[in-house]
């Protein structure tokens, strides 16, 4: 046996009062504990990844739903505006000219 191994074994015996055979058992248990910790970390990482995917899917669904609702309201507003323009085209042109004039005044002051 190497000198380092004997030193470790002697230090273990002096510290714990147990023989080197117990050291092998302790080292084996530490190895088993480390394997269990690694497995737990791996499982936790998989759980976190699954939760992230689930959260992303839910956020994507909400965004799609919000977009679709806004799109539908925009289309309805466009249809309503087109109907009002057809009902009174002269009034619509006058309103558009007034808005254009006001924008021109505001932008010219900058």
C-alpha atoms as a PDB file:
ATOM      1  CA  UNK A   1       0.000   0.000   0.000  1.00  0.00           C
ATOM      2  CA  UNK A   2       1.132   3.513  -0.666  1.00  0.00           C
ATOM      3  CA  UNK A   3       2.320   5.845   2.008  1.00  0.00           C
ATOM      4  CA  UNK A   4      -0.596   8.256   1.297  1.00  0.00           C
ATOM      5  CA  UNK A   5      -3.146   5.473   1.802  1.00  0.00           C
ATOM      6  CA  UNK A   6      -1.567   4.510   5.124  1.00  0.00           C
ATOM      7  CA  UNK A   7      -1.564   8.171   6.195  1.00  0.00           C
ATOM      8  CA  UNK A   8      -5.270   8.542   5.378  1.00  0.00           C
ATOM      9  CA  UNK A   9      -6.094   5.283   7.134  1.00  0.00           C
ATOM     10  CA  UNK A  10      -4.059   6.256  10.238  1.00  0.00           C
ATOM     11  CA  UNK A  11      -5.634   9.722  10.349  1.00  0.00           C
ATOM     12  CA  UNK A  12      -9.115   8.177  10.041  1.00  0.00           C
ATOM     13  CA  UNK A  13      -8.375   5.683  12.846  1.00  0.00           C
ATOM     14  CA  UNK A  14      -6.970   8.425  15.091  1.00  0.00           C
ATOM     15  CA  UNK A  15      -9.913  10.735  14.413  1.00  0.00           C
ATOM     16  CA  UNK A  16     -12.755   8.222  14.636  1.00  0.00           C
ATOM     17  CA  UNK A  17     -11.262   5.383  16.616  1.00  0.00           C
ATOM     18  CA  UNK A  18     -12.381   2.984  13.867  1.00  0.00           C
ATOM     19  CA  UNK A  19     -10.418   0.627  11.649  1.00  0.00           C
ATOM     20  CA  UNK A  20      -9.618   1.059   7.974  1.00  0.00           C
ATOM     21  CA  UNK A  21     -12.395  -1.383   7.035  1.00  0.00           C
ATOM     22  CA  UNK A  22     -14.894   1.134   8.361  1.00  0.00           C
ATOM     23  CA  UNK A  23     -13.209   3.774   6.202  1.00  0.00           C
ATOM     24  CA  UNK A  24     -14.000   1.743   3.090  1.00  0.00           C
ATOM     25  CA  UNK A  25     -17.632   1.500   4.166  1.00  0.00           C
ATOM     26  CA  UNK A  26     -17.797   5.222   4.868  1.00  0.00           C
ATOM     27  CA  UNK A  27     -16.253   6.040   1.496  1.00  0.00           C
ATOM     28  CA  UNK A  28     -18.746   3.704  -0.188  1.00  0.00           C
ATOM     29  CA  UNK A  29     -21.668   5.404   1.619  1.00  0.00           C
ATOM     30  CA  UNK A  30     -20.367   8.846   0.649  1.00  0.00           C
ATOM     31  CA  UNK A  31     -20.225   7.636  -2.972  1.00  0.00           C
ATOM     32  CA  UNK A  32     -23.805   6.373  -2.717  1.00  0.00           C
ATOM     33  CA  UNK A  33     -24.904   9.678  -1.195  1.00  0.00           C
ATOM     34  CA  UNK A  34     -23.227  11.590  -4.015  1.00  0.00           C
ATOM     35  CA  UNK A  35     -24.970   9.400  -6.581  1.00  0.00           C
ATOM     36  CA  UNK A  36     -28.311  10.075  -4.887  1.00  0.00           C
ATOM     37  CA  UNK A  37     -27.612  13.831  -4.849  1.00  0.00           C
ATOM     38  CA  UNK A  38     -26.713  13.723  -8.554  1.00  0.00           C
ATOM     39  CA  UNK A  39     -29.930  11.858  -9.336  1.00  0.00           C
ATOM     40  CA  UNK A  40     -31.976  14.340  -7.278  1.00  0.00           C
ATOM     41  CA  UNK A  41     -30.365  17.300  -9.047  1.00  0.00           C
ATOM     42  CA  UNK A  42     -31.024  15.716 -12.415  1.00  0.00           C
ATOM     43  CA  UNK A  43     -34.672  15.103 -11.524  1.00  0.00           C
ATOM     44  CA  UNK A  44     -35.039  18.667 -10.251  1.00  0.00           C
ATOM     45  CA  UNK A  45     -33.501  20.046 -13.450  1.00  0.00           C
ATOM     46  CA  UNK A  46     -35.980  18.028 -15.519  1.00  0.00           C
ATOM     47  CA  UNK A  47     -38.875  19.306 -13.383  1.00  0.00           C
ATOM     48  CA  UNK A  48     -37.722  22.912 -13.768  1.00  0.00           C
ATOM     49  CA  UNK A  49     -37.382  22.488 -17.536  1.00  0.00           C
ATOM     50  CA  UNK A  50     -40.878  20.990 -17.758  1.00  0.00           C
ATOM     51  CA  UNK A  51     -42.318  23.865 -15.708  1.00  0.00           C
ATOM     52  CA  UNK A  52     -40.548  26.385 -17.945  1.00  0.00           C
ATOM     53  CA  UNK A  53     -41.948  24.728 -21.078  1.00  0.00           C
ATOM     54  CA  UNK A  54     -45.420  24.715 -19.545  1.00  0.00           C
ATOM     55  CA  UNK A  55     -45.171  28.388 -18.578  1.00  0.00           C
ATOM     56  CA  UNK A  56     -43.921  29.296 -22.051  1.00  0.00           C
ATOM     57  CA  UNK A  57     -46.794  27.412 -23.686  1.00  0.00           C
ATOM     58  CA  UNK A  58     -49.345  29.167 -21.455  1.00  0.00           C
ATOM     59  CA  UNK A  59     -47.824  32.604 -22.141  1.00  0.00           C
ATOM     60  CA  UNK A  60     -47.763  31.882 -25.862  1.00  0.00           C
ATOM     61  CA  UNK A  61     -51.438  30.878 -25.766  1.00  0.00           C
ATOM     62  CA  UNK A  62     -52.397  34.055 -23.858  1.00  0.00           C
ATOM     63  CA  UNK A  63     -50.440  36.212 -26.308  1.00  0.00           C
ATOM     64  CA  UNK A  64     -52.110  34.535 -29.286  1.00  0.00           C
ATOM     65  CA  UNK A  65     -55.521  35.001 -27.704  1.00  0.00           C
ATOM     66  CA  UNK A  66     -54.849  38.673 -26.939  1.00  0.00           C
ATOM     67  CA  UNK A  67     -53.560  39.272 -30.465  1.00  0.00           C
ATOM     68  CA  UNK A  68     -56.601  37.603 -32.008  1.00  0.00           C
ATOM     69  CA  UNK A  69     -58.977  39.671 -29.845  1.00  0.00           C
ATOM     70  CA  UNK A  70     -57.211  42.918 -30.756  1.00  0.00           C
ATOM     71  CA  UNK A  71     -57.210  41.941 -34.420  1.00  0.00           C
ATOM     72  CA  UNK A  72     -60.957  41.269 -34.356  1.00  0.00           C
ATOM     73  CA  UNK A  73     -61.673  44.596 -32.605  1.00  0.00           C
ATOM     74  CA  UNK A  74     -59.515  46.401 -35.164  1.00  0.00           C
ATOM     75  CA  UNK A  75     -61.403  44.784 -38.041  1.00  0.00           C
ATOM     76  CA  UNK A  76     -64.734  45.709 -36.454  1.00  0.00           C
ATOM     77  CA  UNK A  77     -63.584  49.317 -35.981  1.00  0.00           C
ATOM     78  CA  UNK A  78     -62.459  49.456 -39.619  1.00  0.00           C
ATOM     79  CA  UNK A  79     -65.812  48.129 -40.822  1.00  0.00           C
ATOM     80  CA  UNK A  80     -67.697  50.633 -38.638  1.00  0.00           C
ATOM     81  CA  UNK A  81     -65.557  53.506 -39.913  1.00  0.00           C
ATOM     82  CA  UNK A  82     -66.079  52.446 -43.526  1.00  0.00           C
ATOM     83  CA  UNK A  83     -69.847  52.275 -42.979  1.00  0.00           C
ATOM     84  CA  UNK A  84     -69.932  55.782 -41.459  1.00  0.00           C
ATOM     85  CA  UNK A  85     -67.850  57.196 -44.313  1.00  0.00           C
ATOM     86  CA  UNK A  86     -70.299  55.701 -46.822  1.00  0.00           C
ATOM     87  CA  UNK A  87     -73.267  57.154 -44.890  1.00  0.00           C
ATOM     88  CA  UNK A  88     -71.902  60.714 -44.912  1.00  0.00           C
ATOM     89  CA  UNK A  89     -68.870  61.175 -47.157  1.00  0.00           C
ATOM     90  CA  UNK A  90     -68.876  65.008 -47.022  1.00  0.00           C
ATOM     91  CA  UNK A  91     -68.761  65.042 -43.217  1.00  0.00           C
ATOM     92  CA  UNK A  92     -65.971  62.446 -43.283  1.00  0.00           C
ATOM     93  CA  UNK A  93     -63.892  64.554 -45.678  1.00  0.00           C
ATOM     94  CA  UNK A  94     -64.440  67.642 -43.514  1.00  0.00           C
ATOM     95  CA  UNK A  95     -63.373  65.786 -40.373  1.00  0.00           C
ATOM     96  CA  UNK A  96     -60.292  64.398 -42.131  1.00  0.00           C
ATOM     97  CA  UNK A  97     -59.351  67.885 -43.362  1.00  0.00           C
ATOM     98  CA  UNK A  98     -59.759  69.322 -39.848  1.00  0.00           C
ATOM     99  CA  UNK A  99     -57.605  66.599 -38.323  1.00  0.00           C
ATOM    100  CA  UNK A 100     -54.979  67.168 -41.022  1.00  0.00           C
ATOM    101  CA  UNK A 101     -54.994  70.913 -40.363  1.00  0.00           C
ATOM    102  CA  UNK A 102     -54.586  70.424 -36.606  1.00  0.00           C
ATOM    103  CA  UNK A 103     -51.719  67.945 -37.105  1.00  0.00           C
ATOM    104  CA  UNK A 104     -50.048  70.388 -39.483  1.00  0.00           C
ATOM    105  CA  UNK A 105     -50.254  73.200 -36.935  1.00  0.00           C
ATOM    106  CA  UNK A 106     -48.953  71.038 -34.096  1.00  0.00           C
ATOM    107  CA  UNK A 107     -46.082  69.608 -36.129  1.00  0.00           C
ATOM    108  CA  UNK A 108     -45.139  73.013 -37.568  1.00  0.00           C
ATOM    109  CA  UNK A 109     -44.579  74.393 -34.052  1.00  0.00           C
ATOM    110  CA  UNK A 110     -41.861  71.859 -33.325  1.00  0.00           C
END
